[in-house]
C-alpha atoms as a PDB file:
ATOM      1  CA  MET A   1     107.670  88.146 116.425  1.00  0.00           C
ATOM      2  CA  GLU A   2     104.532  86.160 115.596  1.00  0.00           C
ATOM      3  CA  GLU A   3     103.125  86.532 112.078  1.00  0.00           C
ATOM      4  CA  VAL A   4      99.367  87.141 112.033  1.00  0.00           C
ATOM      5  CA  ILE A   5      98.891  87.960 108.322  1.00  0.00           C
ATOM      6  CA  ARG A   6     100.781  86.569 105.318  1.00  0.00           C
ATOM      7  CA  LEU A   7      99.895  86.999 101.656  1.00  0.00           C
ATOM      8  CA  GLU A   8     101.763  85.023  98.995  1.00  0.00           C
ATOM      9  CA  LYS A   9     101.470  86.082  95.331  1.00  0.00           C
ATOM     10  CA  VAL A  10      97.839  87.166  95.736  1.00  0.00           C
ATOM     11  CA  GLY A  11      95.907  88.252  92.636  1.00  0.00           C
ATOM     12  CA  MET A  12      92.268  89.345  92.277  1.00  0.00           C
ATOM     13  CA  GLN A  13      90.657  89.298  88.854  1.00  0.00           C
ATOM     14  CA  PHE A  14      87.301  90.713  87.810  1.00  0.00           C
ATOM     15  CA  ASN A  15      85.524  90.237  84.486  1.00  0.00           C
ATOM     16  CA  LEU A  16      84.180  93.497  83.124  1.00  0.00           C
ATOM     17  CA  SER A  17      81.447  93.333  80.485  1.00  0.00           C
ATOM     18  CA  LYS A  18      82.397  95.207  77.316  1.00  0.00           C
ATOM     19  CA  GLU A  19      78.824  95.742  76.147  1.00  0.00           C
ATOM     20  CA  LYS A  20      76.145  98.010  77.510  1.00  0.00           C
ATOM     21  CA  VAL A  21      73.239  95.801  78.625  1.00  0.00           C
ATOM     22  CA  ASP A  22      70.011  97.632  79.437  1.00  0.00           C
ATOM     23  CA  SER A  23      68.134  94.951  81.357  1.00  0.00           C
ATOM     24  CA  LEU A  24      68.554  91.700  83.262  1.00  0.00           C
ATOM     25  CA  LYS A  25      66.526  89.941  80.534  1.00  0.00           C
ATOM     26  CA  GLU A  26      68.880  91.196  77.804  1.00  0.00           C
ATOM     27  CA  TYR A  27      71.876  90.149  79.919  1.00  0.00           C
ATOM     28  CA  ALA A  28      70.431  86.621  80.347  1.00  0.00           C
ATOM     29  CA  ILE A  29      69.723  86.256  76.610  1.00  0.00           C
ATOM     30  CA  LYS A  30      73.217  87.405  75.656  1.00  0.00           C
ATOM     31  CA  LEU A  31      74.706  85.083  78.276  1.00  0.00           C
ATOM     32  CA  VAL A  32      72.800  82.049  76.938  1.00  0.00           C
ATOM     33  CA  LYS A  33      73.741  82.932  73.337  1.00  0.00           C
ATOM     34  CA  ARG A  34      77.340  83.474  74.464  1.00  0.00           C
ATOM     35  CA  GLU A  35      77.250  86.962  73.012  1.00  0.00           C
ATOM     36  CA  LEU A  36      78.659  88.637  76.108  1.00  0.00           C
ATOM     37  CA  ARG A  37      82.287  89.627  75.821  1.00  0.00           C
ATOM     38  CA  PHE A  38      84.297  90.227  78.951  1.00  0.00           C
ATOM     39  CA  GLN A  39      87.480  92.118  79.586  1.00  0.00           C
ATOM     40  CA  GLU A  40      89.793  90.681  82.226  1.00  0.00           C
ATOM     41  CA  PHE A  41      90.744  93.215  84.870  1.00  0.00           C
ATOM     42  CA  TRP A  42      93.307  92.458  87.567  1.00  0.00           C
ATOM     43  CA  ALA A  43      92.523  94.660  90.583  1.00  0.00           C
ATOM     44  CA  LEU A  44      95.471  93.058  92.426  1.00  0.00           C
ATOM     45  CA  LYS A  45      98.478  91.210  91.035  1.00  0.00           C
ATOM     46  CA  ASP A  46     101.358  89.405  92.735  1.00  0.00           C
ATOM     47  CA  ILE A  47     100.849  90.871  96.232  1.00  0.00           C
ATOM     48  CA  SER A  48     103.122  89.362  98.892  1.00  0.00           C
ATOM     49  CA  PHE A  49     103.730  90.717 102.402  1.00  0.00           C
ATOM     50  CA  ALA A  50     103.596  89.683 106.050  1.00  0.00           C
ATOM     51  CA  ALA A  51     102.372  91.506 109.162  1.00  0.00           C
ATOM     52  CA  GLU A  52     103.586  90.635 112.636  1.00  0.00           C
ATOM     53  CA  LYS A  53     101.533  90.949 115.814  1.00  0.00           C
ATOM     54  CA  GLY A  54     101.342  94.630 116.730  1.00  0.00           C
ATOM     55  CA  ASP A  55     102.284  95.953 113.281  1.00  0.00           C
ATOM     56  CA  ARG A  56     100.381  99.027 112.106  1.00  0.00           C
ATOM     57  CA  ILE A  57     100.622  99.122 108.328  1.00  0.00           C
ATOM     58  CA  GLY A  58      99.547 102.210 106.393  1.00  0.00           C
ATOM     59  CA  VAL A  59      98.194 101.319 102.935  1.00  0.00           C
ATOM     60  CA  LEU A  60      98.793 104.146 100.457  1.00  0.00           C
ATOM     61  CA  GLY A  61      97.801 104.614  96.836  1.00  0.00           C
ATOM     62  CA  LEU A  62      95.784 106.790  94.488  1.00  0.00           C
ATOM     63  CA  ASN A  63      92.122 106.046  93.746  1.00  0.00           C
ATOM     64  CA  GLY A  64      91.859 102.770  91.816  1.00  0.00           C
ATOM     65  CA  ALA A  65      95.186 101.459  93.133  1.00  0.00           C
ATOM     66  CA  GLY A  66      93.516  98.400  94.707  1.00  0.00           C
ATOM     67  CA  LYS A  67      93.546  99.424  98.390  1.00  0.00           C
ATOM     68  CA  SER A  68      89.916  98.545  99.183  1.00  0.00           C
ATOM     69  CA  THR A  69      90.122  95.305  97.170  1.00  0.00           C
ATOM     70  CA  LEU A  70      93.196  94.277  99.180  1.00  0.00           C
ATOM     71  CA  MET A  71      91.401  95.023 102.461  1.00  0.00           C
ATOM     72  CA  LYS A  72      88.442  92.882 101.339  1.00  0.00           C
ATOM     73  CA  VAL A  73      90.756  90.007 100.403  1.00  0.00           C
ATOM     74  CA  VAL A  74      92.452  90.104 103.823  1.00  0.00           C
ATOM     75  CA  ALA A  75      89.078  90.375 105.584  1.00  0.00           C
ATOM     76  CA  GLY A  76      87.741  87.373 103.666  1.00  0.00           C
ATOM     77  CA  VAL A  77      85.045  89.313 101.780  1.00  0.00           C
ATOM     78  CA  PHE A  78      86.744  88.371  98.489  1.00  0.00           C
ATOM     79  CA  ARG A  79      88.412  85.058  97.749  1.00  0.00           C
ATOM     80  CA  PRO A  80      91.563  85.755  95.745  1.00  0.00           C
ATOM     81  CA  THR A  81      91.762  84.491  92.156  1.00  0.00           C
ATOM     82  CA  GLU A  82      95.286  83.292  92.820  1.00  0.00           C
ATOM     83  CA  GLY A  83      97.739  83.093  95.714  1.00  0.00           C
ATOM     84  CA  THR A  84      97.232  82.363  99.414  1.00  0.00           C
ATOM     85  CA  VAL A  85      96.101  84.368 102.440  1.00  0.00           C
ATOM     86  CA  MET A  86      96.954  83.348 106.012  1.00  0.00           C
ATOM     87  CA  LYS A  87      95.349  85.060 109.031  1.00  0.00           C
ATOM     88  CA  LYS A  88      95.393  84.348 112.760  1.00  0.00           C
ATOM     89  CA  GLY A  89      92.822  85.555 115.269  1.00  0.00           C
ATOM     90  CA  VAL A  90      89.629  87.619 115.210  1.00  0.00           C
ATOM     91  CA  ILE A  91      89.398  90.200 112.407  1.00  0.00           C
ATOM     92  CA  ALA A  92      87.234  93.317 112.741  1.00  0.00           C
ATOM     93  CA  PRO A  93      86.927  94.903 109.293  1.00  0.00           C
ATOM     94  CA  LEU A  94      85.726  98.485 108.937  1.00  0.00           C
ATOM     95  CA  ILE A  95      85.806  98.548 105.161  1.00  0.00           C
ATOM     96  CA  GLU A  96      82.631 100.247 103.996  1.00  0.00           C
ATOM     97  CA  LEU A  97      80.318 102.559 105.867  1.00  0.00           C
ATOM     98  CA  GLY A  98      77.466 100.438 107.145  1.00  0.00           C
ATOM     99  CA  ALA A  99      78.912  97.136 105.908  1.00  0.00           C
ATOM    100  CA  GLY A 100      77.441  94.358 108.057  1.00  0.00           C
ATOM    101  CA  PHE A 101      74.606  96.581 109.250  1.00  0.00           C
ATOM    102  CA  ASP A 102      70.888  96.066 108.577  1.00  0.00           C
ATOM    103  CA  MET A 103      69.368  99.430 107.661  1.00  0.00           C
ATOM    104  CA  GLN A 104      65.901  98.405 108.895  1.00  0.00           C
ATOM    105  CA  TYR A 105      67.194  97.665 112.410  1.00  0.00           C
ATOM    106  CA  THR A 106      67.900 100.264 115.080  1.00  0.00           C
ATOM    107  CA  GLY A 107      71.388 101.235 116.188  1.00  0.00           C
ATOM    108  CA  ALA A 108      70.907  99.141 119.336  1.00  0.00           C
ATOM    109  CA  GLU A 109      69.863  96.048 117.359  1.00  0.00           C
ATOM    110  CA  ASN A 110      72.791  96.509 115.000  1.00  0.00           C
ATOM    111  CA  ILE A 111      75.258  96.483 117.905  1.00  0.00           C
ATOM    112  CA  TYR A 112      74.194  92.913 118.718  1.00  0.00           C
ATOM    113  CA  LEU A 113      73.925  91.949 115.030  1.00  0.00           C
ATOM    114  CA  ASN A 114      77.414  93.246 114.263  1.00  0.00           C
ATOM    115  CA  GLY A 115      78.791  91.478 117.328  1.00  0.00           C
ATOM    116  CA  ALA A 116      77.227  88.192 116.172  1.00  0.00           C
ATOM    117  CA  VAL A 117      78.758  88.620 112.696  1.00  0.00           C
ATOM    118  CA  LEU A 118      82.153  89.003 114.365  1.00  0.00           C
ATOM    119  CA  GLY A 119      81.538  85.853 116.429  1.00  0.00           C
ATOM    120  CA  TYR A 120      80.641  87.325 119.822  1.00  0.00           C
ATOM    121  CA  SER A 121      77.751  86.224 122.057  1.00  0.00           C
ATOM    122  CA  ARG A 122      74.840  88.456 123.004  1.00  0.00           C
ATOM    123  CA  ALA A 123      75.996  88.385 126.633  1.00  0.00           C
ATOM    124  CA  TYR A 124      79.495  89.541 125.612  1.00  0.00           C
ATOM    125  CA  MET A 125      78.026  92.435 123.593  1.00  0.00           C
ATOM    126  CA  ARG A 126      75.622  93.344 126.418  1.00  0.00           C
ATOM    127  CA  GLU A 127      78.607  93.895 128.728  1.00  0.00           C
ATOM    128  CA  ARG A 128      80.074  96.366 126.225  1.00  0.00           C
ATOM    129  CA  TYR A 129      76.825  97.918 125.021  1.00  0.00           C
ATOM    130  CA  ASP A 130      76.920 101.045 127.228  1.00  0.00           C
ATOM    131  CA  SER A 131      80.557 101.749 126.381  1.00  0.00           C
ATOM    132  CA  ILE A 132      79.852 101.380 122.643  1.00  0.00           C
ATOM    133  CA  VAL A 133      76.912 103.807 122.805  1.00  0.00           C
ATOM    134  CA  GLU A 134      78.861 106.292 124.924  1.00  0.00           C
ATOM    135  CA  PHE A 135      81.877 106.308 122.611  1.00  0.00           C
ATOM    136  CA  SER A 136      79.734 106.656 119.473  1.00  0.00           C
ATOM    137  CA  GLU A 137      77.917 109.693 120.989  1.00  0.00           C
ATOM    138  CA  LEU A 138      74.672 108.332 119.525  1.00  0.00           C
ATOM    139  CA  ALA A 139      72.634 107.786 122.708  1.00  0.00           C
ATOM    140  CA  ASP A 140      69.827 110.032 121.440  1.00  0.00           C
ATOM    141  CA  PHE A 141      69.565 108.029 118.196  1.00  0.00           C
ATOM    142  CA  ILE A 142      70.339 104.479 119.344  1.00  0.00           C
ATOM    143  CA  ASP A 143      66.689 103.353 119.037  1.00  0.00           C
ATOM    144  CA  VAL A 144      66.291 104.919 115.583  1.00  0.00           C
ATOM    145  CA  PRO A 145      66.536 102.671 112.447  1.00  0.00           C
ATOM    146  CA  LEU A 146      69.913 102.936 110.705  1.00  0.00           C
ATOM    147  CA  LYS A 147      68.235 103.973 107.440  1.00  0.00           C
ATOM    148  CA  ASN A 148      67.702 107.354 109.134  1.00  0.00           C
ATOM    149  CA  TYR A 149      71.382 107.702 110.142  1.00  0.00           C
ATOM    150  CA  SER A 150      73.820 109.808 108.146  1.00  0.00           C
ATOM    151  CA  SER A 151      76.888 108.027 106.730  1.00  0.00           C
ATOM    152  CA  GLY A 152      78.963 109.686 109.451  1.00  0.00           C
ATOM    153  CA  MET A 153      76.705 108.330 112.204  1.00  0.00           C
ATOM    154  CA  ARG A 154      76.929 104.809 110.761  1.00  0.00           C
ATOM    155  CA  ALA A 155      80.710 105.096 110.595  1.00  0.00           C
ATOM    156  CA  ARG A 156      80.856 106.219 114.225  1.00  0.00           C
ATOM    157  CA  LEU A 157      78.725 103.292 115.347  1.00  0.00           C
ATOM    158  CA  GLY A 158      80.759 100.814 113.282  1.00  0.00           C
ATOM    159  CA  PHE A 159      84.054 102.160 114.602  1.00  0.00           C
ATOM    160  CA  SER A 160      82.784 102.066 118.195  1.00  0.00           C
ATOM    161  CA  ILE A 161      81.739  98.395 117.874  1.00  0.00           C
ATOM    162  CA  ALA A 162      84.903  97.247 116.074  1.00  0.00           C
ATOM    163  CA  THR A 163      87.241  98.913 118.561  1.00  0.00           C
ATOM    164  CA  MET A 164      85.309  97.959 121.696  1.00  0.00           C
ATOM    165  CA  ILE A 165      85.521  94.193 121.116  1.00  0.00           C
ATOM    166  CA  GLN A 166      89.339  94.045 121.071  1.00  0.00           C
ATOM    167  CA  PRO A 167      90.021  92.103 117.850  1.00  0.00           C
ATOM    168  CA  ASP A 168      93.427  90.647 116.970  1.00  0.00           C
ATOM    169  CA  ILE A 169      93.394  92.329 113.544  1.00  0.00           C
ATOM    170  CA  LEU A 170      91.682  95.633 112.771  1.00  0.00           C
ATOM    171  CA  ILE A 171      91.128  96.709 109.162  1.00  0.00           C
ATOM    172  CA  LEU A 172      90.317 100.389 108.663  1.00  0.00           C
ATOM    173  CA  ASP A 173      89.506 101.715 105.193  1.00  0.00           C
ATOM    174  CA  GLU A 174      89.274 105.518 105.316  1.00  0.00           C
ATOM    175  CA  VAL A 175      86.980 105.373 108.361  1.00  0.00           C
ATOM    176  CA  LEU A 176      88.922 107.971 110.342  1.00  0.00           C
ATOM    177  CA  SER A 177      88.193 110.528 107.634  1.00  0.00           C
ATOM    178  CA  VAL A 178      84.508 110.612 108.635  1.00  0.00           C
ATOM    179  CA  GLY A 179      82.976 112.761 111.344  1.00  0.00           C
ATOM    180  CA  ASP A 180      83.894 116.048 112.972  1.00  0.00           C
ATOM    181  CA  ALA A 181      87.384 116.986 114.127  1.00  0.00           C
ATOM    182  CA  LYS A 182      86.622 116.108 117.754  1.00  0.00           C
ATOM    183  CA  PHE A 183      85.457 112.575 116.905  1.00  0.00           C
ATOM    184  CA  LYS A 184      88.425 112.043 114.553  1.00  0.00           C
ATOM    185  CA  LYS A 185      90.809 112.948 117.366  1.00  0.00           C
ATOM    186  CA  LYS A 186      88.979 110.671 119.803  1.00  0.00           C
ATOM    187  CA  SER A 187      88.994 107.793 117.272  1.00  0.00           C
ATOM    188  CA  GLU A 188      92.698 108.179 116.627  1.00  0.00           C
ATOM    189  CA  LYS A 189      93.414 108.101 120.373  1.00  0.00           C
ATOM    190  CA  ARG A 190      91.291 104.935 120.715  1.00  0.00           C
ATOM    191  CA  LEU A 191      93.310 103.377 117.906  1.00  0.00           C
ATOM    192  CA  LEU A 192      96.624 104.291 119.508  1.00  0.00           C
ATOM    193  CA  ASP A 193      95.432 102.896 122.869  1.00  0.00           C
ATOM    194  CA  MET A 194      94.466  99.621 121.161  1.00  0.00           C
ATOM    195  CA  MET A 195      97.879  99.361 119.578  1.00  0.00           C
ATOM    196  CA  ASP A 196      99.431  99.265 123.048  1.00  0.00           C
ATOM    197  CA  THR A 197      97.590  95.953 123.554  1.00  0.00           C
ATOM    198  CA  GLY A 198      99.256  94.419 120.477  1.00  0.00           C
ATOM    199  CA  VAL A 199      96.405  94.593 117.948  1.00  0.00           C
ATOM    200  CA  THR A 200      97.557  94.441 114.315  1.00  0.00           C
ATOM    201  CA  VAL A 201      96.190  97.200 112.077  1.00  0.00           C
ATOM    202  CA  LEU A 202      95.847  97.615 108.324  1.00  0.00           C
ATOM    203  CA  PHE A 203      95.062 101.274 107.812  1.00  0.00           C
ATOM    204  CA  VAL A 204      93.991 102.831 104.488  1.00  0.00           C
ATOM    205  CA  SER A 205      94.251 106.608 104.518  1.00  0.00           C
ATOM    206  CA  HIS A 206      95.031 109.479 102.164  1.00  0.00           C
ATOM    207  CA  ASN A 207      96.218 111.504 105.154  1.00  0.00           C
ATOM    208  CA  LEU A 208     100.012 111.082 105.316  1.00  0.00           C
ATOM    209  CA  ASP A 209     100.293 112.876 108.665  1.00  0.00           C
ATOM    210  CA  GLN A 210      97.762 110.463 110.155  1.00  0.00           C
ATOM    211  CA  VAL A 211      99.640 107.459 108.738  1.00  0.00           C
ATOM    212  CA  LYS A 212     102.861 108.762 110.297  1.00  0.00           C
ATOM    213  CA  ARG A 213     101.175 109.165 113.692  1.00  0.00           C
ATOM    214  CA  VAL A 214      99.475 105.766 113.670  1.00  0.00           C
ATOM    215  CA  CYS A 215     101.712 103.382 111.682  1.00  0.00           C
ATOM    216  CA  ASN A 216     105.149 101.780 111.992  1.00  0.00           C
ATOM    217  CA  LYS A 217     105.171 100.375 108.422  1.00  0.00           C
ATOM    218  CA  ALA A 218     103.624 101.401 105.111  1.00  0.00           C
ATOM    219  CA  MET A 219     103.011 100.067 101.626  1.00  0.00           C
ATOM    220  CA  ILE A 220     102.280 101.715  98.286  1.00  0.00           C
ATOM    221  CA  LEU A 221      99.858 100.159  95.790  1.00  0.00           C
ATOM    222  CA  ASP A 222      99.833 101.315  92.190  1.00  0.00           C
ATOM    223  CA  HIS A 223      97.452  99.830  89.593  1.00  0.00           C
ATOM    224  CA  GLY A 224      97.003  96.692  91.702  1.00  0.00           C
ATOM    225  CA  ARG A 225     100.688  96.050  92.351  1.00  0.00           C
ATOM    226  CA  MET A 226     102.676  96.664  95.521  1.00  0.00           C
ATOM    227  CA  ILE A 227     105.607  98.873  94.557  1.00  0.00           C
ATOM    228  CA  ASP A 228     107.028  99.451  98.045  1.00  0.00           C
ATOM    229  CA  PHE A 229     106.675  98.071 101.568  1.00  0.00           C
ATOM    230  CA  GLY A 230     108.589  98.580 104.793  1.00  0.00           C
ATOM    231  CA  ASP A 231     109.817 101.442 106.979  1.00  0.00           C
ATOM    232  CA  MET A 232     107.071 104.023 107.394  1.00  0.00           C
ATOM    233  CA  GLU A 233     109.281 107.131 107.038  1.00  0.00           C
ATOM    234  CA  ARG A 234     110.963 105.873 103.858  1.00  0.00           C
ATOM    235  CA  VAL A 235     107.757 104.654 102.187  1.00  0.00           C
ATOM    236  CA  THR A 236     105.710 107.759 103.034  1.00  0.00           C
ATOM    237  CA  ALA A 237     108.540 109.967 101.700  1.00  0.00           C
ATOM    238  CA  ARG A 238     108.455 108.040  98.408  1.00  0.00           C
ATOM    239  CA  TYR A 239     104.652 108.342  98.233  1.00  0.00           C
ATOM    240  CA  LYS A 240     104.883 112.096  98.834  1.00  0.00           C
ATOM    241  CA  GLU A 241     107.288 112.359  95.887  1.00  0.00           C
ATOM    242  CA  MET A 242     104.938 110.290  93.704  1.00  0.00           C
ATOM    243  CA  THR A 243     101.939 112.503  94.447  1.00  0.00           C
ATOM    244  CA  ALA A 244     103.718 115.876  94.428  1.00  0.00           C
END
């Protein structure tokens, strides 16, 4: 099978300030005087794995395990401190609610804006516009600025755009946990339908049953390190033991 994602010894380091700084001015003064002390924090360390075309990988881990950081590294939001990331094809990342949206623009304007960010022409998005609005169930609000949307409405719009444009790689970070039961079920079905076309999915979820329904592989992150990766049944069973 064709590899579409490969990470080799990827690490992501952040510098956390040890002091409490009350203002930007105080921060600048301390920085110039070299009085700021930083603590190195590795959000990810030594992550290596590969995903083949059509793989659906469930990413499991407790809060703070590094799941969202890993998704941002794969999506290209973060450049890793060390290691290499290889990706092939168009990536549609649904990482944060409203990421890539402009809150001052309407839902309709954001459909075209989000499409442009993902590399699609206005004409291409126009062809899919009605389907995106219909799936999102936001027709009554599509001309309302996004700043007036709830987080659930923004998530529905983002999911509808990302899954309507048929990317090669889809990154989902807890987005199926938003919305009512009916929309969750509809979103999951859309995801399963997409998988039949060979899209590769990285899927962060705390819902083990959902991971089992959607994924064929899984990984466990713990304090920034990958402690297991492979067969979905085996890995989810280990995670269930860890969190029992």
